[in-house]
N, C-alpha and C. Protein backbone atom coordinates (compact mmCIF):
# COMPACT_ATOMS: atom_id res chain seq x y z
N UNK A 1 -1.52 -46.06 39.56
CA UNK A 1 -2.37 -47.23 39.82
C UNK A 1 -3.74 -46.81 40.33
N UNK A 2 -4.71 -47.58 39.97
CA UNK A 2 -6.06 -47.25 40.38
C UNK A 2 -6.28 -47.58 41.85
N UNK A 3 -7.19 -46.82 42.47
CA UNK A 3 -7.58 -47.15 43.83
C UNK A 3 -8.35 -48.45 43.82
N UNK A 4 -8.37 -49.15 44.93
CA UNK A 4 -9.06 -50.43 45.02
C UNK A 4 -10.53 -50.31 44.63
N UNK A 5 -10.98 -51.25 43.86
CA UNK A 5 -12.38 -51.23 43.46
C UNK A 5 -13.29 -51.59 44.61
N UNK A 6 -12.70 -52.05 45.73
CA UNK A 6 -13.55 -52.46 46.85
C UNK A 6 -13.81 -51.33 47.83
N UNK A 7 -13.38 -50.11 47.53
CA UNK A 7 -13.55 -49.01 48.48
C UNK A 7 -15.02 -48.82 48.82
N UNK A 8 -15.89 -48.91 47.79
CA UNK A 8 -17.32 -48.73 48.04
C UNK A 8 -17.84 -49.78 48.98
N UNK A 9 -17.35 -51.01 48.81
CA UNK A 9 -17.79 -52.09 49.69
C UNK A 9 -17.30 -51.87 51.10
N UNK A 10 -16.09 -51.33 51.25
CA UNK A 10 -15.55 -51.05 52.59
C UNK A 10 -16.42 -50.06 53.32
N UNK A 11 -16.89 -49.06 52.62
CA UNK A 11 -17.73 -48.05 53.24
C UNK A 11 -19.00 -48.68 53.79
N UNK A 12 -19.55 -49.64 53.04
CA UNK A 12 -20.77 -50.29 53.48
C UNK A 12 -20.52 -51.17 54.69
N UNK A 13 -19.30 -51.72 54.79
CA UNK A 13 -18.99 -52.62 55.90
C UNK A 13 -18.69 -51.87 57.19
N UNK A 14 -18.30 -50.61 57.09
CA UNK A 14 -17.95 -49.84 58.28
C UNK A 14 -19.14 -49.71 59.20
N UNK A 15 -18.89 -49.75 60.49
CA UNK A 15 -19.97 -49.71 61.47
C UNK A 15 -20.24 -48.29 61.96
N UNK A 16 -19.80 -47.33 61.21
CA UNK A 16 -19.93 -45.94 61.66
C UNK A 16 -21.37 -45.48 61.63
N UNK A 17 -21.71 -44.62 62.56
CA UNK A 17 -23.00 -43.95 62.59
C UNK A 17 -22.75 -42.48 62.34
N UNK A 18 -23.72 -41.76 61.79
CA UNK A 18 -23.50 -40.33 61.54
C UNK A 18 -23.13 -39.60 62.82
N UNK A 19 -22.14 -38.73 62.74
CA UNK A 19 -21.68 -37.97 63.89
C UNK A 19 -22.53 -36.72 64.05
N UNK A 20 -23.02 -36.50 65.23
CA UNK A 20 -23.85 -35.34 65.50
C UNK A 20 -22.97 -34.23 66.03
N UNK A 21 -22.98 -33.09 65.37
CA UNK A 21 -22.12 -31.98 65.76
C UNK A 21 -22.89 -30.95 66.56
N UNK A 22 -22.24 -30.41 67.58
CA UNK A 22 -22.86 -29.37 68.39
C UNK A 22 -22.90 -28.07 67.61
N UNK A 23 -23.83 -27.20 67.96
CA UNK A 23 -23.87 -25.88 67.35
C UNK A 23 -22.62 -25.11 67.78
N UNK A 24 -22.21 -24.14 66.98
CA UNK A 24 -20.99 -23.41 67.26
C UNK A 24 -21.02 -22.74 68.62
N UNK A 25 -22.20 -22.30 69.06
CA UNK A 25 -22.32 -21.64 70.36
C UNK A 25 -22.00 -22.60 71.50
N UNK A 26 -22.06 -23.90 71.24
CA UNK A 26 -21.81 -24.89 72.26
C UNK A 26 -20.44 -25.53 72.10
N UNK A 27 -19.52 -24.81 71.48
CA UNK A 27 -18.16 -25.28 71.33
C UNK A 27 -17.20 -24.21 71.82
N UNK A 28 -15.99 -24.59 72.24
CA UNK A 28 -15.03 -23.59 72.71
C UNK A 28 -14.48 -22.75 71.57
N UNK A 29 -13.73 -21.73 71.92
CA UNK A 29 -13.10 -20.86 70.94
C UNK A 29 -12.15 -21.69 70.07
N UNK A 30 -12.39 -21.75 68.74
CA UNK A 30 -11.54 -22.58 67.88
C UNK A 30 -10.08 -22.17 67.87
N UNK A 31 -9.79 -20.91 68.22
CA UNK A 31 -8.40 -20.47 68.27
C UNK A 31 -7.63 -21.09 69.43
N UNK A 32 -8.37 -21.68 70.38
CA UNK A 32 -7.73 -22.30 71.53
C UNK A 32 -7.68 -23.82 71.42
N UNK A 33 -8.00 -24.34 70.24
CA UNK A 33 -8.00 -25.79 70.03
C UNK A 33 -6.98 -26.14 68.96
N UNK A 34 -5.91 -26.86 69.36
CA UNK A 34 -4.89 -27.26 68.41
C UNK A 34 -4.04 -28.37 69.02
N UNK A 35 -3.39 -29.13 68.16
CA UNK A 35 -2.53 -30.22 68.61
C UNK A 35 -1.19 -29.65 69.06
N UNK A 36 -0.78 -30.00 70.28
CA UNK A 36 0.48 -29.52 70.84
C UNK A 36 1.66 -30.40 70.46
N UNK A 37 1.51 -31.72 70.58
CA UNK A 37 2.61 -32.61 70.26
C UNK A 37 2.10 -34.01 69.92
N UNK A 38 2.96 -34.74 69.23
CA UNK A 38 2.62 -36.09 68.76
C UNK A 38 3.82 -37.01 68.96
N UNK A 39 3.56 -38.23 69.43
CA UNK A 39 4.60 -39.24 69.52
C UNK A 39 3.99 -40.58 69.10
N UNK A 40 4.83 -41.60 68.91
CA UNK A 40 4.30 -42.88 68.45
C UNK A 40 5.23 -44.00 68.85
N UNK A 41 4.65 -45.21 68.93
CA UNK A 41 5.42 -46.41 69.25
C UNK A 41 4.64 -47.61 68.71
N UNK A 42 5.36 -48.63 68.26
CA UNK A 42 4.68 -49.82 67.76
C UNK A 42 5.53 -50.59 66.77
N UNK A 43 5.09 -51.81 66.46
CA UNK A 43 5.82 -52.66 65.53
C UNK A 43 5.76 -52.13 64.10
N UNK A 44 4.73 -51.33 63.80
CA UNK A 44 4.60 -50.77 62.47
C UNK A 44 5.29 -49.43 62.30
N UNK A 45 5.77 -48.87 63.41
CA UNK A 45 6.44 -47.56 63.35
C UNK A 45 7.64 -47.54 64.28
N UNK A 46 8.61 -48.44 64.06
CA UNK A 46 9.81 -48.45 64.90
C UNK A 46 10.59 -47.15 64.75
N UNK A 47 11.50 -46.86 65.68
CA UNK A 47 12.26 -45.61 65.64
C UNK A 47 12.92 -45.37 64.28
N UNK A 48 12.77 -44.16 63.78
CA UNK A 48 13.38 -43.78 62.52
C UNK A 48 12.59 -44.13 61.28
N UNK A 49 11.40 -44.76 61.44
CA UNK A 49 10.64 -45.21 60.28
C UNK A 49 9.37 -44.41 60.04
N UNK A 50 9.10 -43.42 60.89
CA UNK A 50 7.86 -42.65 60.75
C UNK A 50 8.15 -41.16 60.95
N UNK A 51 7.32 -40.34 60.35
CA UNK A 51 7.44 -38.89 60.51
C UNK A 51 6.05 -38.30 60.64
N UNK A 52 5.94 -37.21 61.40
CA UNK A 52 4.64 -36.58 61.65
C UNK A 52 4.63 -35.16 61.12
N UNK A 53 3.46 -34.74 60.71
CA UNK A 53 3.26 -33.39 60.20
C UNK A 53 1.94 -32.86 60.73
N UNK A 54 1.93 -31.62 61.16
CA UNK A 54 0.69 -30.97 61.60
C UNK A 54 0.24 -30.02 60.50
N UNK A 55 -1.00 -30.18 60.07
CA UNK A 55 -1.52 -29.35 58.98
C UNK A 55 -2.81 -28.67 59.39
N UNK A 56 -3.26 -27.74 58.54
CA UNK A 56 -4.53 -27.04 58.76
C UNK A 56 -4.60 -26.44 60.17
N UNK A 57 -3.65 -25.56 60.45
CA UNK A 57 -3.59 -24.87 61.74
C UNK A 57 -3.50 -25.85 62.90
N UNK A 58 -2.69 -26.89 62.72
CA UNK A 58 -2.45 -27.90 63.76
C UNK A 58 -3.72 -28.62 64.17
N UNK A 59 -4.60 -28.92 63.21
CA UNK A 59 -5.81 -29.70 63.50
C UNK A 59 -5.82 -31.03 62.77
N UNK A 60 -4.82 -31.32 61.96
CA UNK A 60 -4.70 -32.60 61.29
C UNK A 60 -3.33 -33.20 61.60
N UNK A 61 -3.32 -34.40 62.16
CA UNK A 61 -2.08 -35.11 62.44
C UNK A 61 -1.86 -36.11 61.32
N UNK A 62 -0.84 -35.86 60.50
CA UNK A 62 -0.55 -36.73 59.36
C UNK A 62 0.77 -37.43 59.58
N UNK A 63 0.75 -38.76 59.53
CA UNK A 63 1.96 -39.54 59.71
C UNK A 63 2.29 -40.30 58.44
N UNK A 64 3.59 -40.36 58.13
CA UNK A 64 4.07 -41.16 57.02
C UNK A 64 4.93 -42.30 57.53
N UNK A 65 4.78 -43.48 56.92
CA UNK A 65 5.48 -44.68 57.40
C UNK A 65 6.32 -45.29 56.28
N UNK A 66 7.44 -45.90 56.68
CA UNK A 66 8.28 -46.61 55.72
C UNK A 66 8.37 -48.11 56.02
N UNK A 67 7.91 -48.52 57.23
CA UNK A 67 8.01 -49.94 57.59
C UNK A 67 6.71 -50.49 58.17
N UNK A 68 5.61 -49.82 57.90
CA UNK A 68 4.32 -50.28 58.43
C UNK A 68 3.72 -51.27 57.42
N UNK A 69 4.16 -52.51 57.49
CA UNK A 69 3.73 -53.55 56.55
C UNK A 69 3.43 -54.83 57.32
N UNK A 70 2.21 -55.34 57.18
CA UNK A 70 1.84 -56.63 57.75
C UNK A 70 1.74 -57.64 56.61
N UNK A 71 2.30 -58.83 56.81
CA UNK A 71 2.29 -59.79 55.72
C UNK A 71 2.52 -61.21 56.15
N UNK A 72 2.32 -62.12 55.22
CA UNK A 72 2.52 -63.55 55.45
C UNK A 72 3.27 -64.14 54.26
N UNK A 73 3.81 -65.35 54.47
CA UNK A 73 4.44 -66.05 53.35
C UNK A 73 5.95 -66.01 53.40
N UNK A 74 6.56 -66.01 52.23
CA UNK A 74 8.01 -66.12 52.10
C UNK A 74 8.75 -65.02 52.86
N UNK A 75 9.66 -65.43 53.75
CA UNK A 75 10.48 -64.48 54.48
C UNK A 75 9.79 -63.79 55.65
N UNK A 76 8.53 -64.12 55.90
CA UNK A 76 7.76 -63.49 56.97
C UNK A 76 7.69 -64.39 58.20
N UNK A 77 7.84 -63.78 59.39
CA UNK A 77 7.64 -64.51 60.64
C UNK A 77 6.16 -64.45 61.01
N UNK A 78 5.74 -65.30 61.95
CA UNK A 78 4.34 -65.31 62.36
C UNK A 78 3.92 -63.95 62.91
N UNK A 79 4.83 -63.27 63.58
CA UNK A 79 4.52 -61.97 64.17
C UNK A 79 4.32 -60.88 63.12
N UNK A 80 4.80 -61.11 61.88
CA UNK A 80 4.67 -60.11 60.83
C UNK A 80 3.24 -59.98 60.30
N UNK A 81 2.39 -60.94 60.64
CA UNK A 81 1.00 -60.90 60.16
C UNK A 81 0.21 -59.78 60.83
N UNK A 82 0.70 -59.26 61.94
CA UNK A 82 0.02 -58.16 62.63
C UNK A 82 1.02 -57.06 62.95
N UNK A 83 0.70 -55.85 62.54
CA UNK A 83 1.51 -54.68 62.86
C UNK A 83 0.61 -53.59 63.43
N UNK A 84 1.19 -52.75 64.31
CA UNK A 84 0.41 -51.67 64.91
C UNK A 84 1.26 -50.43 65.08
N UNK A 85 0.59 -49.31 65.28
CA UNK A 85 1.28 -48.06 65.63
C UNK A 85 0.38 -47.26 66.56
N UNK A 86 0.82 -47.08 67.79
CA UNK A 86 0.06 -46.30 68.78
C UNK A 86 0.52 -44.85 68.71
N UNK A 87 -0.31 -44.00 68.14
CA UNK A 87 -0.01 -42.58 67.99
C UNK A 87 -0.59 -41.84 69.19
N UNK A 88 0.24 -41.08 69.90
CA UNK A 88 -0.17 -40.41 71.14
C UNK A 88 -0.20 -38.90 70.90
N UNK A 89 -1.35 -38.31 71.12
CA UNK A 89 -1.59 -36.92 70.73
C UNK A 89 -2.01 -36.09 71.94
N UNK A 90 -1.38 -34.93 72.10
CA UNK A 90 -1.78 -33.98 73.14
C UNK A 90 -2.49 -32.81 72.46
N UNK A 91 -3.76 -32.62 72.82
CA UNK A 91 -4.57 -31.55 72.24
C UNK A 91 -4.72 -30.42 73.25
N UNK A 92 -4.44 -29.19 72.82
CA UNK A 92 -4.67 -28.02 73.65
C UNK A 92 -6.12 -27.59 73.48
N UNK A 93 -6.82 -27.40 74.60
CA UNK A 93 -8.20 -26.94 74.54
C UNK A 93 -8.56 -26.27 75.87
N UNK A 94 -9.58 -25.39 75.89
CA UNK A 94 -9.93 -24.67 77.11
C UNK A 94 -10.46 -25.58 78.20
N UNK A 95 -10.19 -25.22 79.44
CA UNK A 95 -10.75 -25.96 80.56
C UNK A 95 -12.26 -25.77 80.60
N UNK A 96 -12.96 -26.74 81.20
CA UNK A 96 -14.42 -26.68 81.27
C UNK A 96 -15.09 -27.43 80.14
N UNK A 97 -14.28 -28.11 79.31
CA UNK A 97 -14.82 -28.86 78.18
C UNK A 97 -14.28 -30.28 78.19
N UNK A 98 -15.06 -31.20 77.62
CA UNK A 98 -14.62 -32.55 77.34
C UNK A 98 -14.78 -32.78 75.85
N UNK A 99 -13.91 -33.58 75.26
CA UNK A 99 -13.94 -33.76 73.81
C UNK A 99 -13.66 -35.20 73.41
N UNK A 100 -13.96 -35.49 72.17
CA UNK A 100 -13.65 -36.81 71.62
C UNK A 100 -13.52 -36.70 70.10
N UNK A 101 -12.80 -37.66 69.53
CA UNK A 101 -12.67 -37.77 68.08
C UNK A 101 -12.40 -39.23 67.75
N UNK A 102 -12.90 -39.71 66.61
CA UNK A 102 -12.70 -41.12 66.29
C UNK A 102 -12.82 -41.38 64.79
N UNK A 103 -12.07 -40.62 64.02
CA UNK A 103 -12.04 -40.84 62.57
C UNK A 103 -10.59 -40.80 62.11
N UNK A 104 -10.18 -41.84 61.38
CA UNK A 104 -8.81 -41.91 60.88
C UNK A 104 -8.82 -42.37 59.43
N UNK A 105 -8.01 -41.70 58.59
CA UNK A 105 -7.87 -42.05 57.18
C UNK A 105 -6.57 -42.82 56.98
N UNK A 106 -6.64 -43.87 56.18
CA UNK A 106 -5.45 -44.67 55.85
C UNK A 106 -5.26 -44.72 54.34
N UNK A 107 -3.99 -44.71 53.93
CA UNK A 107 -3.63 -44.90 52.52
C UNK A 107 -2.44 -45.84 52.45
N UNK A 108 -2.42 -46.66 51.40
CA UNK A 108 -1.31 -47.58 51.24
C UNK A 108 -1.52 -48.51 50.06
N UNK A 109 -0.94 -49.71 50.17
CA UNK A 109 -1.01 -50.68 49.09
C UNK A 109 -1.31 -52.05 49.68
N UNK A 110 -2.18 -52.81 48.99
CA UNK A 110 -2.54 -54.15 49.46
C UNK A 110 -2.33 -55.16 48.35
N UNK A 111 -1.77 -56.30 48.70
CA UNK A 111 -1.61 -57.42 47.77
C UNK A 111 -2.10 -58.67 48.49
N UNK A 112 -3.32 -59.08 48.16
CA UNK A 112 -3.94 -60.22 48.81
C UNK A 112 -4.45 -61.19 47.74
N UNK A 113 -3.95 -62.43 47.71
CA UNK A 113 -4.47 -63.41 46.76
C UNK A 113 -5.86 -63.90 47.15
N UNK A 114 -6.49 -64.62 46.26
CA UNK A 114 -7.82 -65.16 46.53
C UNK A 114 -7.79 -66.05 47.77
N UNK A 115 -8.81 -65.93 48.61
CA UNK A 115 -8.90 -66.72 49.83
C UNK A 115 -8.26 -66.07 51.03
N UNK A 116 -7.60 -64.93 50.84
CA UNK A 116 -6.95 -64.22 51.94
C UNK A 116 -7.74 -62.97 52.31
N UNK A 117 -7.51 -62.48 53.51
CA UNK A 117 -8.23 -61.30 53.97
C UNK A 117 -7.34 -60.47 54.89
N UNK A 118 -7.79 -59.27 55.19
CA UNK A 118 -7.05 -58.39 56.10
C UNK A 118 -8.03 -57.51 56.85
N UNK A 119 -7.64 -57.11 58.04
CA UNK A 119 -8.40 -56.16 58.84
C UNK A 119 -7.54 -54.94 59.11
N UNK A 120 -8.17 -53.78 59.06
CA UNK A 120 -7.46 -52.54 59.34
C UNK A 120 -8.38 -51.63 60.13
N UNK A 121 -7.81 -50.93 61.10
CA UNK A 121 -8.63 -50.02 61.88
C UNK A 121 -7.84 -49.42 63.02
N UNK A 122 -8.55 -48.91 64.01
CA UNK A 122 -7.89 -48.25 65.13
C UNK A 122 -8.73 -48.36 66.39
N UNK A 123 -8.01 -48.34 67.52
CA UNK A 123 -8.63 -48.27 68.84
C UNK A 123 -8.30 -46.91 69.43
N UNK A 124 -9.31 -46.22 69.95
CA UNK A 124 -9.17 -44.87 70.48
C UNK A 124 -9.35 -44.91 71.99
N UNK A 125 -8.43 -44.27 72.73
CA UNK A 125 -8.58 -44.22 74.18
C UNK A 125 -7.73 -43.09 74.75
N UNK A 126 -8.11 -42.62 75.93
CA UNK A 126 -7.34 -41.62 76.66
C UNK A 126 -6.49 -42.34 77.70
N UNK A 127 -5.22 -41.97 77.78
CA UNK A 127 -4.33 -42.59 78.77
C UNK A 127 -4.90 -42.38 80.17
N UNK A 128 -4.87 -43.44 80.98
CA UNK A 128 -5.40 -43.37 82.32
C UNK A 128 -6.85 -43.79 82.44
N UNK A 129 -7.53 -43.98 81.30
CA UNK A 129 -8.91 -44.43 81.32
C UNK A 129 -8.97 -45.90 80.90
N UNK A 130 -9.94 -46.63 81.46
CA UNK A 130 -10.05 -48.05 81.16
C UNK A 130 -10.89 -48.33 79.92
N UNK A 131 -11.77 -47.40 79.54
CA UNK A 131 -12.63 -47.66 78.39
C UNK A 131 -11.97 -47.21 77.09
N UNK A 132 -12.36 -47.86 76.00
CA UNK A 132 -11.85 -47.49 74.69
C UNK A 132 -12.93 -47.73 73.64
N UNK A 133 -12.65 -47.34 72.42
CA UNK A 133 -13.58 -47.53 71.31
C UNK A 133 -12.79 -47.97 70.10
N UNK A 134 -13.35 -48.89 69.31
CA UNK A 134 -12.62 -49.42 68.17
C UNK A 134 -13.47 -49.41 66.90
N UNK A 135 -12.78 -49.34 65.79
CA UNK A 135 -13.44 -49.45 64.48
C UNK A 135 -12.50 -50.20 63.55
N UNK A 136 -12.99 -51.30 62.96
CA UNK A 136 -12.18 -52.11 62.06
C UNK A 136 -12.93 -52.35 60.76
N UNK A 137 -12.19 -52.36 59.66
CA UNK A 137 -12.74 -52.69 58.35
C UNK A 137 -12.08 -53.98 57.85
N UNK A 138 -12.86 -54.79 57.16
CA UNK A 138 -12.35 -56.05 56.62
C UNK A 138 -12.44 -56.03 55.10
N UNK A 139 -11.37 -56.45 54.43
CA UNK A 139 -11.46 -56.61 52.99
C UNK A 139 -10.77 -57.90 52.58
N UNK A 140 -11.20 -58.43 51.43
CA UNK A 140 -10.77 -59.76 51.01
C UNK A 140 -10.13 -59.74 49.63
N UNK A 141 -9.22 -60.72 49.42
CA UNK A 141 -8.59 -60.88 48.12
C UNK A 141 -9.52 -61.59 47.15
N UNK A 142 -9.22 -61.59 45.86
CA UNK A 142 -7.94 -61.09 45.34
C UNK A 142 -7.93 -59.58 45.14
N UNK A 143 -6.82 -58.95 45.48
CA UNK A 143 -6.64 -57.53 45.25
C UNK A 143 -5.14 -57.24 45.20
N UNK A 144 -4.75 -56.32 44.35
CA UNK A 144 -3.36 -55.94 44.20
C UNK A 144 -3.34 -54.49 43.70
N UNK A 145 -3.49 -53.55 44.64
CA UNK A 145 -3.69 -52.16 44.22
C UNK A 145 -3.53 -51.22 45.41
N UNK A 146 -3.59 -49.92 45.11
CA UNK A 146 -3.63 -48.90 46.15
C UNK A 146 -4.97 -48.94 46.86
N UNK A 147 -5.00 -48.46 48.09
CA UNK A 147 -6.26 -48.31 48.80
C UNK A 147 -6.29 -46.97 49.54
N UNK A 148 -7.48 -46.54 49.82
CA UNK A 148 -7.73 -45.37 50.66
C UNK A 148 -9.01 -45.64 51.42
N UNK A 149 -8.97 -45.56 52.74
CA UNK A 149 -10.16 -45.88 53.53
C UNK A 149 -10.21 -45.04 54.81
N UNK A 150 -11.42 -44.95 55.34
CA UNK A 150 -11.66 -44.19 56.57
C UNK A 150 -12.37 -45.09 57.57
N UNK A 151 -11.87 -45.12 58.80
CA UNK A 151 -12.55 -45.85 59.87
C UNK A 151 -13.14 -44.84 60.84
N UNK A 152 -14.35 -45.13 61.32
CA UNK A 152 -15.04 -44.24 62.26
C UNK A 152 -15.73 -45.06 63.33
N UNK A 153 -15.77 -44.52 64.53
CA UNK A 153 -16.43 -45.18 65.66
C UNK A 153 -17.86 -44.67 65.78
N UNK A 154 -18.84 -45.55 65.98
CA UNK A 154 -20.22 -45.11 66.16
C UNK A 154 -20.34 -44.13 67.32
N UNK A 155 -21.25 -43.18 67.19
CA UNK A 155 -21.43 -42.15 68.20
C UNK A 155 -21.63 -42.73 69.60
N UNK A 156 -22.43 -43.79 69.69
CA UNK A 156 -22.75 -44.34 71.01
C UNK A 156 -21.57 -45.03 71.68
N UNK A 157 -20.49 -45.26 70.93
CA UNK A 157 -19.33 -45.96 71.48
C UNK A 157 -18.15 -45.05 71.77
N UNK A 158 -18.29 -43.76 71.55
CA UNK A 158 -17.18 -42.84 71.71
C UNK A 158 -16.67 -42.76 73.14
N UNK A 159 -15.38 -42.47 73.29
CA UNK A 159 -14.79 -42.24 74.61
C UNK A 159 -14.50 -40.75 74.73
N UNK A 160 -14.63 -40.22 75.96
CA UNK A 160 -14.51 -38.78 76.20
C UNK A 160 -13.36 -38.47 77.14
N UNK A 161 -12.76 -37.30 76.95
CA UNK A 161 -11.71 -36.83 77.85
C UNK A 161 -12.30 -36.60 79.24
N UNK A 162 -11.51 -36.91 80.28
CA UNK A 162 -11.96 -36.70 81.65
C UNK A 162 -11.99 -35.21 81.97
N UNK A 163 -13.12 -34.75 82.50
CA UNK A 163 -13.25 -33.33 82.85
C UNK A 163 -12.25 -32.96 83.95
N UNK A 164 -11.67 -31.78 83.82
CA UNK A 164 -10.75 -31.30 84.84
C UNK A 164 -9.32 -31.75 84.66
N UNK A 165 -9.06 -32.59 83.65
CA UNK A 165 -7.71 -33.06 83.39
C UNK A 165 -7.09 -32.19 82.30
N UNK A 166 -5.91 -31.66 82.56
CA UNK A 166 -5.24 -30.80 81.60
C UNK A 166 -4.46 -31.63 80.59
N UNK A 167 -4.77 -31.41 79.31
CA UNK A 167 -4.02 -32.07 78.24
C UNK A 167 -3.99 -33.57 78.32
N UNK A 168 -5.16 -34.28 78.39
CA UNK A 168 -5.12 -35.74 78.43
C UNK A 168 -4.49 -36.30 77.16
N UNK A 169 -3.69 -37.35 77.29
CA UNK A 169 -3.02 -37.97 76.16
C UNK A 169 -4.01 -38.85 75.42
N UNK A 170 -4.28 -38.51 74.15
CA UNK A 170 -5.23 -39.25 73.32
C UNK A 170 -4.46 -40.23 72.45
N UNK A 171 -4.87 -41.51 72.49
CA UNK A 171 -4.18 -42.56 71.75
C UNK A 171 -5.01 -43.04 70.57
N UNK A 172 -4.38 -43.10 69.42
CA UNK A 172 -4.98 -43.73 68.24
C UNK A 172 -4.09 -44.92 67.90
N UNK A 173 -4.49 -46.10 68.36
CA UNK A 173 -3.68 -47.30 68.17
C UNK A 173 -4.18 -48.04 66.93
N UNK A 174 -3.56 -47.77 65.79
CA UNK A 174 -3.98 -48.42 64.55
C UNK A 174 -3.32 -49.79 64.43
N UNK A 175 -3.95 -50.66 63.63
CA UNK A 175 -3.37 -51.97 63.42
C UNK A 175 -3.83 -52.55 62.09
N UNK A 176 -2.99 -53.42 61.55
CA UNK A 176 -3.31 -54.18 60.35
C UNK A 176 -3.04 -55.65 60.64
N UNK A 177 -4.01 -56.51 60.33
CA UNK A 177 -3.87 -57.95 60.55
C UNK A 177 -4.17 -58.67 59.25
N UNK A 178 -3.22 -59.47 58.78
CA UNK A 178 -3.39 -60.23 57.53
C UNK A 178 -3.61 -61.69 57.88
N UNK A 179 -4.63 -62.30 57.28
CA UNK A 179 -4.93 -63.71 57.47
C UNK A 179 -4.77 -64.42 56.13
N UNK A 180 -3.69 -65.21 56.02
CA UNK A 180 -3.39 -65.86 54.75
C UNK A 180 -2.29 -66.89 54.95
N UNK A 181 -2.30 -67.95 54.14
CA UNK A 181 -1.23 -68.93 54.17
C UNK A 181 -0.30 -68.77 52.97
N UNK A 182 -0.57 -67.76 52.14
CA UNK A 182 0.22 -67.50 50.94
C UNK A 182 1.01 -66.20 51.11
N UNK A 183 1.76 -65.84 50.08
CA UNK A 183 2.47 -64.57 50.09
C UNK A 183 1.46 -63.43 49.95
N UNK A 184 1.42 -62.56 50.94
CA UNK A 184 0.47 -61.44 50.92
C UNK A 184 0.96 -60.35 51.85
N UNK A 185 0.48 -59.14 51.61
CA UNK A 185 0.85 -58.05 52.53
C UNK A 185 -0.10 -56.87 52.36
N UNK A 186 -0.16 -56.08 53.42
CA UNK A 186 -0.86 -54.79 53.41
C UNK A 186 0.08 -53.77 54.02
N UNK A 187 0.41 -52.74 53.28
CA UNK A 187 1.29 -51.70 53.77
C UNK A 187 0.53 -50.40 54.00
N UNK A 188 0.86 -49.71 55.08
CA UNK A 188 0.27 -48.40 55.37
C UNK A 188 1.31 -47.34 55.07
N UNK A 189 0.99 -46.44 54.13
CA UNK A 189 1.90 -45.35 53.78
C UNK A 189 1.65 -44.12 54.63
N UNK A 190 0.36 -43.77 54.82
CA UNK A 190 0.02 -42.59 55.62
C UNK A 190 -1.19 -42.87 56.49
N UNK A 191 -1.26 -42.12 57.58
CA UNK A 191 -2.39 -42.20 58.52
C UNK A 191 -2.71 -40.78 58.97
N UNK A 192 -3.94 -40.34 58.76
CA UNK A 192 -4.36 -38.99 59.12
C UNK A 192 -5.48 -39.05 60.16
N UNK A 193 -5.28 -38.36 61.28
CA UNK A 193 -6.32 -38.21 62.29
C UNK A 193 -6.65 -36.73 62.39
N UNK A 194 -7.94 -36.40 62.25
CA UNK A 194 -8.34 -35.00 62.08
C UNK A 194 -9.02 -34.47 63.35
N UNK A 195 -8.67 -33.22 63.70
CA UNK A 195 -9.20 -32.58 64.90
C UNK A 195 -9.87 -31.25 64.56
N UNK A 196 -10.49 -31.18 63.37
CA UNK A 196 -11.21 -29.98 62.98
C UNK A 196 -12.34 -29.71 63.96
N UNK A 197 -12.48 -28.44 64.38
CA UNK A 197 -13.49 -28.06 65.37
C UNK A 197 -14.89 -28.50 64.98
N UNK A 198 -15.29 -28.25 63.75
CA UNK A 198 -16.68 -28.46 63.35
C UNK A 198 -16.90 -29.77 62.62
N UNK A 199 -15.86 -30.34 62.03
CA UNK A 199 -16.05 -31.53 61.21
C UNK A 199 -15.72 -32.83 61.92
N UNK A 200 -14.82 -32.81 62.90
CA UNK A 200 -14.34 -34.06 63.48
C UNK A 200 -14.40 -34.15 64.99
N UNK A 201 -14.36 -33.03 65.67
CA UNK A 201 -14.42 -33.05 67.14
C UNK A 201 -15.85 -32.94 67.63
N UNK A 202 -16.12 -33.61 68.73
CA UNK A 202 -17.38 -33.43 69.45
C UNK A 202 -17.05 -32.88 70.83
N UNK A 203 -17.92 -32.00 71.34
CA UNK A 203 -17.67 -31.32 72.59
C UNK A 203 -18.86 -31.44 73.53
N UNK A 204 -18.56 -31.40 74.82
CA UNK A 204 -19.62 -31.24 75.81
C UNK A 204 -19.04 -30.50 77.01
N UNK A 205 -19.86 -29.69 77.65
CA UNK A 205 -19.40 -28.92 78.80
C UNK A 205 -19.32 -29.81 80.03
N UNK A 206 -18.32 -29.55 80.85
CA UNK A 206 -18.14 -30.34 82.08
C UNK A 206 -19.10 -29.84 83.17
């Protein structure tokens, strides 16, 4: 099946700003930066319905889902219109640095009739901190096809790890919300959050 023809429009709707990367001399040793562990909880990823994989030297967290579907209409409860999955990530990195990341890729299938819409995105935050950052994309029916999209948080809205805290728990709380009075759904098959030293992480010295 073809990818959604609206992907180009989604890119234009995203509120992302270009990410400014530090020079390599102003980043920690890349051999000391990697994901240690991953866990998840949410209505879109109940126990036994999701699996995680670490790729590219433990710098990409890839999750696969079997029940991450938000929908409306026949056989659906009101609560089914919104699904979420809070992915909790522990990143190993040298002391003396603070970091942030806010880019997530989604793949799946959407079936939305004319007049219906859906929102998809993620909220990023560190456990124990009150501030967070969000990025959401909106797309509208009619559509009945595969999709692939990326959400990114503008640079000025990023949240940073607290200096001096060892292994802060980083949360990527993704969600899908469907708005429709007809039979419709959006399913998430995979979710990738990337922690590449030079392409996705930003650093600053404490």
